[in-house]
Protein backbone atom coordinates (compact mmCIF):
# COMPACT_ATOMS: atom_id res chain seq x y z
CA LEU A 1 17.10 13.67 20.61
CA ASP A 2 16.52 16.70 18.37
CA PRO A 3 13.51 18.00 20.35
CA PHE A 4 15.80 18.28 23.39
CA SER A 5 19.14 19.17 21.77
CA ASN A 6 18.02 21.74 19.18
CA PRO A 7 18.09 25.27 20.65
CA LEU A 8 15.24 26.25 18.29
CA SER A 9 12.93 23.57 19.72
CA ARG A 10 10.28 24.45 22.28
CA THR A 11 11.52 21.53 24.36
CA TYR A 12 15.24 22.36 24.30
CA TRP A 13 16.82 20.94 27.48
CA PHE A 14 17.89 24.33 28.84
CA GLY A 15 14.39 25.76 28.38
CA LEU A 16 12.87 22.78 30.17
CA LEU A 17 15.36 23.13 33.02
CA LEU A 18 14.64 26.84 33.31
CA THR A 19 10.89 26.13 33.35
CA VAL A 20 11.29 23.63 36.21
CA VAL A 21 13.47 26.04 38.21
CA LEU A 22 11.13 29.02 37.74
CA THR A 23 8.08 26.92 38.57
CA ALA A 24 9.76 25.59 41.72
CA LEU A 25 10.70 29.13 42.77
CA TYR A 26 7.16 30.35 42.13
CA TYR A 27 5.63 27.65 44.29
CA TYR A 28 8.30 28.06 46.96
CA TRP A 29 7.79 31.82 47.40
CA VAL A 30 4.32 32.67 46.05
CA ARG A 31 2.20 29.58 46.70
CA PRO A 32 4.18 27.47 49.15
CA ARG A 33 1.28 25.32 50.39
CA THR A 34 -0.30 24.48 47.01
CA TRP A 35 2.45 22.48 45.34
CA THR A 36 3.80 19.08 46.19
CA THR A 37 6.36 16.87 44.53
CA GLY A 38 3.65 14.23 44.34
CA ARG A 39 1.55 16.41 42.04
CA PHE A 40 4.55 16.95 39.78
CA MET A 41 5.20 13.20 39.61
CA GLU A 42 1.49 12.60 38.88
CA LEU A 43 1.80 14.88 35.84
CA LEU A 44 4.87 13.06 34.60
CA LYS A 45 3.26 9.62 35.06
CA HIS A 46 -0.14 10.62 33.64
CA PRO A 47 -1.26 8.58 30.58
CA SER A 48 -1.61 11.84 28.63
CA THR A 49 2.07 12.66 29.21
CA THR A 50 3.02 9.10 28.29
CA LEU A 51 1.14 9.50 24.99
CA ASP A 52 2.93 12.81 24.35
CA VAL A 53 6.27 11.02 24.69
CA GLN A 54 5.15 8.09 22.52
CA LEU A 55 3.94 10.41 19.74
CA MET A 56 7.15 12.43 19.89
CA LEU A 57 9.34 9.31 19.70
CA GLY A 58 7.17 7.85 16.92
CA ARG A 59 7.46 11.01 14.83
CA GLN A 60 11.22 11.14 15.37
CA LEU A 61 11.55 7.48 14.37
CA LEU A 62 9.47 8.01 11.22
CA ARG A 63 11.58 11.04 10.28
CA MET A 64 14.73 9.02 10.82
CA LEU A 65 13.43 6.15 8.67
CA VAL A 66 11.91 8.28 5.91
CA GLY A 67 14.56 10.99 5.96
CA MET A 68 14.04 14.68 5.40
CA PRO A 69 11.98 14.77 2.21
CA SER A 70 10.80 18.34 2.80
CA LEU A 71 14.24 19.84 2.12
CA ILE A 72 14.66 17.88 -1.10
CA SER A 73 11.05 18.56 -2.08
CA GLY A 74 11.45 22.33 -1.59
CA TRP A 75 14.49 22.29 -3.84
CA LEU A 76 12.58 20.21 -6.39
CA VAL A 77 9.60 22.63 -6.38
CA ALA A 78 11.97 25.60 -6.80
CA THR A 79 14.01 24.16 -9.66
CA ARG A 80 11.01 22.78 -11.55
CA GLY A 81 9.17 26.07 -11.01
CA VAL A 82 12.07 28.11 -12.43
CA ARG A 83 12.33 25.83 -15.48
CA TRP A 84 8.57 26.02 -16.05
CA MET A 85 8.54 29.84 -15.73
CA ASP A 86 11.48 30.07 -18.14
CA ARG A 87 9.54 28.04 -20.73
CA ALA A 88 6.15 29.66 -20.11
CA VAL A 89 7.14 33.31 -19.67
CA GLY A 90 10.83 33.52 -20.43
CA VAL A 91 13.65 34.92 -18.37
CA PRO A 92 12.54 38.26 -16.93
CA GLU A 93 14.58 41.39 -17.37
CA VAL A 94 14.43 42.79 -13.88
CA PRO A 95 16.67 45.63 -12.78
CA ALA A 96 19.62 44.34 -10.77
CA LEU A 97 19.25 44.43 -7.01
CA SER A 98 22.02 44.36 -4.49
CA SER A 99 22.37 40.88 -3.10
CA GLY A 100 21.65 42.25 0.40
CA LEU A 101 18.36 43.83 -0.71
CA ALA A 102 17.32 40.66 -2.56
CA ALA A 103 18.16 38.53 0.50
CA LEU A 104 16.21 40.90 2.75
CA GLY A 105 13.17 40.79 0.44
CA TYR A 106 13.41 37.01 0.21
CA THR A 107 13.61 36.70 3.99
CA VAL A 108 10.56 38.90 4.58
CA VAL A 109 8.46 37.21 1.88
CA LEU A 110 9.46 33.73 3.07
CA PHE A 111 8.72 34.58 6.71
CA VAL A 112 5.27 36.02 5.92
CA SER A 113 4.48 33.15 3.53
CA TRP A 114 5.48 30.53 6.10
CA ASP A 115 3.48 32.19 8.86
CA LEU A 116 0.39 32.66 6.68
CA SER A 117 0.54 29.12 5.32
CA ARG A 118 0.86 27.66 8.84
CA PHE A 119 -2.18 29.69 9.92
CA VAL A 120 -4.22 28.62 6.88
CA LEU A 121 -3.34 24.93 7.31
CA HIS A 122 -4.16 25.06 11.02
CA TRP A 123 -7.45 26.85 10.28
CA LEU A 124 -8.32 24.21 7.65
CA MET A 125 -7.58 21.45 10.16
CA HIS A 126 -10.28 22.89 12.37
CA ARG A 127 -12.78 23.30 9.50
CA ILE A 128 -12.39 20.16 7.35
CA PRO A 129 -13.62 17.01 9.12
CA MET A 130 -11.06 14.70 7.48
CA LEU A 131 -8.20 16.96 8.62
CA TRP A 132 -9.78 17.44 12.05
CA ALA A 133 -9.62 13.66 12.52
CA PHE A 134 -5.82 13.95 12.54
CA HIS A 135 -5.57 17.35 14.27
CA GLN A 136 -7.80 16.47 17.21
CA VAL A 137 -4.97 14.34 18.59
CA HIS A 138 -3.21 17.64 19.31
CA HIS A 139 -6.21 18.92 21.27
CA SER A 140 -6.86 15.72 23.24
CA ALA A 141 -4.33 16.22 26.04
CA GLU A 142 -5.76 15.75 29.52
CA VAL A 143 -2.77 17.42 31.18
CA ILE A 144 -0.49 20.02 29.66
CA THR A 145 3.28 19.74 29.93
CA PRO A 146 6.03 21.11 27.67
CA LEU A 147 5.97 17.75 25.86
CA THR A 148 2.34 18.35 24.81
CA HIS A 149 3.79 20.49 21.99
CA HIS A 150 4.87 17.20 20.38
CA ARG A 151 1.35 15.69 20.50
CA ILE A 152 0.93 15.66 16.73
CA HIS A 153 -0.43 12.87 14.55
CA PRO A 154 2.17 11.70 12.00
CA VAL A 155 -0.16 12.63 9.11
CA GLU A 156 -0.48 16.18 10.46
CA SER A 157 3.30 16.35 10.79
CA TRP A 158 3.64 15.22 7.15
CA LEU A 159 1.11 17.88 6.06
CA TYR A 160 3.15 20.58 7.78
CA ASP A 161 6.36 19.26 6.19
CA PHE A 162 4.69 19.24 2.77
CA ARG A 163 3.38 22.78 3.34
CA GLY A 164 6.87 23.95 4.28
CA ALA A 165 8.45 22.37 1.22
CA LEU A 166 5.81 23.83 -1.07
CA VAL A 167 6.02 27.36 0.34
CA THR A 168 9.83 27.35 0.48
CA GLY A 169 10.05 25.96 -3.06
CA VAL A 170 7.60 28.46 -4.53
CA VAL A 171 9.17 31.50 -2.82
CA ALA A 172 12.77 30.42 -3.53
CA GLY A 173 11.91 29.57 -7.13
CA LEU A 174 10.12 32.86 -7.68
CA PHE A 175 12.98 34.91 -6.22
CA TYR A 176 15.59 33.00 -8.19
CA TRP A 177 13.55 33.35 -11.39
CA LEU A 178 13.14 37.09 -10.87
CA PHE A 179 16.57 38.01 -9.55
CA ARG A 180 18.97 35.41 -10.91
CA GLY A 181 20.97 38.17 -12.58
CA SER A 182 21.51 39.87 -9.22
CA VAL A 183 22.04 37.03 -6.79
CA SER A 184 23.29 33.51 -6.66
CA ASP A 185 21.18 30.62 -5.43
CA LEU A 186 23.43 30.50 -2.35
CA THR A 187 22.43 34.08 -1.47
CA LEU A 188 18.82 33.00 -1.26
């Protein structure tokens, strides 16, 4: 139920309810003769919407069965990266930063890295035929509903999870390696 119960999800129940209410108000006042309940029900019963729901439930089931490997993998990348940098370069002598400044820098770098890596992966999915084979599922919707956001092939979902773990691990590891004298791992 996470796609509907998580306030950070694009399909959070309150957002969906608000969308339905605003759409109903729009068609009631602005375009009263162009909307019918029948059209709304056609959208909900359309095979494209049914596939959106099936893909969403399938991804949720796979995540439940496999677990959340991205969180563990990010931690693994960070800790292995710090150990490797310690052996290869040594422990850096960086001037101490306040923990607030280090946390702010970490937040900005992580945000930009996440956003850039999502863009690059999405761009690659449009350019590399093997990746496009998975990504085209996302672009195959015949009707668009809020649930179309969940129209993602499980392999594409795994690629995004892997990307997130890798970026988080590299950035967290780098910040811990550089600023371990200033901050604790819990600060990051």
